[in-house]
Each structure stands twice: as C-alpha cells, then as structure tokens.
Amino acid sequence: MKAKLSMLDYCKKVLRCVSFDKRLFKKEYRKSIAWLSPVEVKLLKQWIRNNQLSTN
C-alpha cells in the first residue's frame, strides 16, 4: 500500500519536475500557493530557496 502524499509534498514533486522551464515553474508555483495553507506556503518558499529553485 502506498503512503499518501501531503499536498505540500505533491507540490514539491511537481515543482522539482518542472524546474527546467521557468515559465512552467512559475505557473505551477502559483497553483501551489492557491492550494496550500499560509504555513505550507512559507515552508514551500523555504524549500525553493534551500534547493536553489527560482520563481523569477
């Protein structure tokens, strides 16, 4: 049986997969922010900085 991914983990997985394309990354980042709670958004932003990914 597979463990369920949290929405935050799912967003991280998607962002990691699309990090090769800045435009697509930004689009998925915006969608992630819409789905996540404010606390999770902070964690996501920290994860992006720690992994040297960019929303610019």
N, C-alpha and C. Protein backbone atom coordinates (compact mmCIF):
# COMPACT_ATOMS: atom_id res chain seq x y z
N MET A 1 0.84 -1.17 0.00
CA MET A 1 0.00 0.00 0.00
C MET A 1 0.89 1.25 0.00
N LYS A 2 0.59 2.18 -0.89
CA LYS A 2 1.37 3.41 -0.98
C LYS A 2 0.91 4.42 0.06
N ALA A 3 1.89 5.14 0.61
CA ALA A 3 1.56 6.20 1.55
C ALA A 3 1.04 7.41 0.78
N LYS A 4 0.10 8.11 1.37
CA LYS A 4 -0.45 9.30 0.72
C LYS A 4 0.55 10.45 0.84
N LEU A 5 0.67 11.21 -0.23
CA LEU A 5 1.49 12.41 -0.20
C LEU A 5 0.66 13.56 0.34
N SER A 6 1.28 14.40 1.15
CA SER A 6 0.59 15.62 1.56
C SER A 6 0.56 16.55 0.35
N MET A 7 -0.30 17.53 0.38
CA MET A 7 -0.38 18.48 -0.73
C MET A 7 0.95 19.21 -0.89
N LEU A 8 1.60 19.54 0.22
CA LEU A 8 2.89 20.21 0.17
C LEU A 8 3.92 19.33 -0.53
N ASP A 9 3.97 18.06 -0.17
CA ASP A 9 4.92 17.14 -0.81
C ASP A 9 4.61 16.98 -2.29
N TYR A 10 3.33 16.93 -2.63
CA TYR A 10 2.93 16.82 -4.03
C TYR A 10 3.39 18.06 -4.81
N CYS A 11 3.20 19.24 -4.23
CA CYS A 11 3.62 20.48 -4.89
C CYS A 11 5.13 20.50 -5.10
N LYS A 12 5.87 20.05 -4.10
CA LYS A 12 7.33 19.98 -4.22
C LYS A 12 7.73 19.05 -5.36
N LYS A 13 7.05 17.92 -5.45
CA LYS A 13 7.35 16.95 -6.50
C LYS A 13 7.10 17.56 -7.88
N VAL A 14 5.97 18.23 -8.03
CA VAL A 14 5.64 18.86 -9.31
C VAL A 14 6.65 19.95 -9.65
N LEU A 15 6.97 20.80 -8.69
CA LEU A 15 7.91 21.90 -8.93
C LEU A 15 9.31 21.37 -9.28
N ARG A 16 9.70 20.30 -8.63
CA ARG A 16 11.00 19.69 -8.95
C ARG A 16 11.00 19.19 -10.40
N CYS A 17 9.90 18.64 -10.84
CA CYS A 17 9.80 18.09 -12.21
C CYS A 17 9.76 19.17 -13.28
N VAL A 18 9.24 20.34 -12.97
CA VAL A 18 9.12 21.40 -13.98
C VAL A 18 10.19 22.48 -13.82
N SER A 19 11.16 22.27 -12.97
CA SER A 19 12.16 23.30 -12.69
C SER A 19 13.04 23.63 -13.89
N PHE A 20 13.00 22.82 -14.93
CA PHE A 20 13.80 23.08 -16.14
C PHE A 20 13.26 24.26 -16.96
N ASP A 21 11.99 24.62 -16.75
CA ASP A 21 11.33 25.67 -17.53
C ASP A 21 10.79 26.74 -16.58
N LYS A 22 11.37 27.93 -16.61
CA LYS A 22 10.98 28.99 -15.66
C LYS A 22 9.51 29.37 -15.77
N ARG A 23 8.99 29.44 -17.00
CA ARG A 23 7.59 29.82 -17.20
C ARG A 23 6.65 28.78 -16.60
N LEU A 24 6.94 27.52 -16.86
CA LEU A 24 6.12 26.44 -16.33
C LEU A 24 6.26 26.35 -14.81
N PHE A 25 7.47 26.56 -14.30
CA PHE A 25 7.71 26.55 -12.86
C PHE A 25 6.86 27.62 -12.18
N LYS A 26 6.86 28.82 -12.76
CA LYS A 26 6.11 29.93 -12.17
C LYS A 26 4.61 29.63 -12.17
N LYS A 27 4.12 29.04 -13.25
CA LYS A 27 2.71 28.68 -13.35
C LYS A 27 2.33 27.67 -12.27
N GLU A 28 3.14 26.64 -12.11
CA GLU A 28 2.87 25.61 -11.11
C GLU A 28 3.03 26.15 -9.69
N TYR A 29 3.96 27.08 -9.51
CA TYR A 29 4.17 27.72 -8.21
C TYR A 29 2.91 28.48 -7.80
N ARG A 30 2.35 29.23 -8.73
CA ARG A 30 1.12 29.99 -8.44
C ARG A 30 -0.04 29.05 -8.08
N LYS A 31 -0.15 27.95 -8.79
CA LYS A 31 -1.20 26.98 -8.49
C LYS A 31 -0.98 26.37 -7.10
N SER A 32 0.27 26.12 -6.77
CA SER A 32 0.59 25.55 -5.46
C SER A 32 0.17 26.48 -4.34
N ILE A 33 0.46 27.76 -4.51
CA ILE A 33 0.11 28.75 -3.49
C ILE A 33 -1.41 28.79 -3.27
N ALA A 34 -2.16 28.61 -4.34
CA ALA A 34 -3.62 28.62 -4.22
C ALA A 34 -4.14 27.42 -3.41
N TRP A 35 -3.44 26.30 -3.47
CA TRP A 35 -3.88 25.08 -2.79
C TRP A 35 -3.43 24.99 -1.34
N LEU A 36 -2.30 25.61 -1.02
CA LEU A 36 -1.68 25.41 0.28
C LEU A 36 -2.15 26.43 1.32
N SER A 37 -2.01 26.05 2.57
CA SER A 37 -2.29 26.98 3.67
C SER A 37 -1.14 27.97 3.79
N PRO A 38 -1.34 29.10 4.47
CA PRO A 38 -0.26 30.08 4.62
C PRO A 38 1.02 29.50 5.24
N VAL A 39 0.86 28.61 6.20
CA VAL A 39 2.04 27.98 6.82
C VAL A 39 2.77 27.11 5.80
N GLU A 40 2.02 26.35 5.01
CA GLU A 40 2.63 25.50 3.99
C GLU A 40 3.30 26.33 2.90
N VAL A 41 2.73 27.49 2.57
CA VAL A 41 3.34 28.38 1.57
C VAL A 41 4.71 28.83 2.06
N LYS A 42 4.80 29.18 3.34
CA LYS A 42 6.10 29.57 3.90
C LYS A 42 7.10 28.43 3.81
N LEU A 43 6.66 27.22 4.11
CA LEU A 43 7.53 26.06 4.02
C LEU A 43 7.96 25.80 2.58
N LEU A 44 7.04 25.99 1.65
CA LEU A 44 7.35 25.79 0.24
C LEU A 44 8.38 26.81 -0.23
N LYS A 45 8.20 28.07 0.15
CA LYS A 45 9.16 29.11 -0.23
C LYS A 45 10.54 28.81 0.33
N GLN A 46 10.58 28.35 1.57
CA GLN A 46 11.86 27.98 2.18
C GLN A 46 12.49 26.81 1.43
N TRP A 47 11.70 25.83 1.06
CA TRP A 47 12.19 24.68 0.31
C TRP A 47 12.76 25.11 -1.04
N ILE A 48 12.09 26.04 -1.71
CA ILE A 48 12.56 26.55 -3.00
C ILE A 48 13.91 27.23 -2.84
N ARG A 49 14.04 28.06 -1.81
CA ARG A 49 15.32 28.74 -1.56
C ARG A 49 16.42 27.74 -1.23
N ASN A 50 16.12 26.77 -0.39
CA ASN A 50 17.12 25.78 0.02
C ASN A 50 17.58 24.90 -1.13
N ASN A 51 16.70 24.69 -2.10
CA ASN A 51 17.04 23.85 -3.25
C ASN A 51 17.46 24.66 -4.46
N GLN A 52 17.64 25.95 -4.26
CA GLN A 52 18.11 26.87 -5.30
C GLN A 52 17.24 26.83 -6.55
N LEU A 53 15.95 26.72 -6.34
CA LEU A 53 14.99 26.82 -7.43
C LEU A 53 14.54 28.26 -7.47
N SER A 54 13.94 28.68 -8.55
CA SER A 54 13.60 30.10 -8.67
C SER A 54 12.22 30.30 -9.27
N THR A 55 11.53 31.34 -8.77
CA THR A 55 10.24 31.73 -9.35
C THR A 55 10.41 32.95 -10.23
N ASN A 56 11.61 33.44 -10.41
CA ASN A 56 11.87 34.64 -11.23
C ASN A 56 11.84 34.30 -12.69
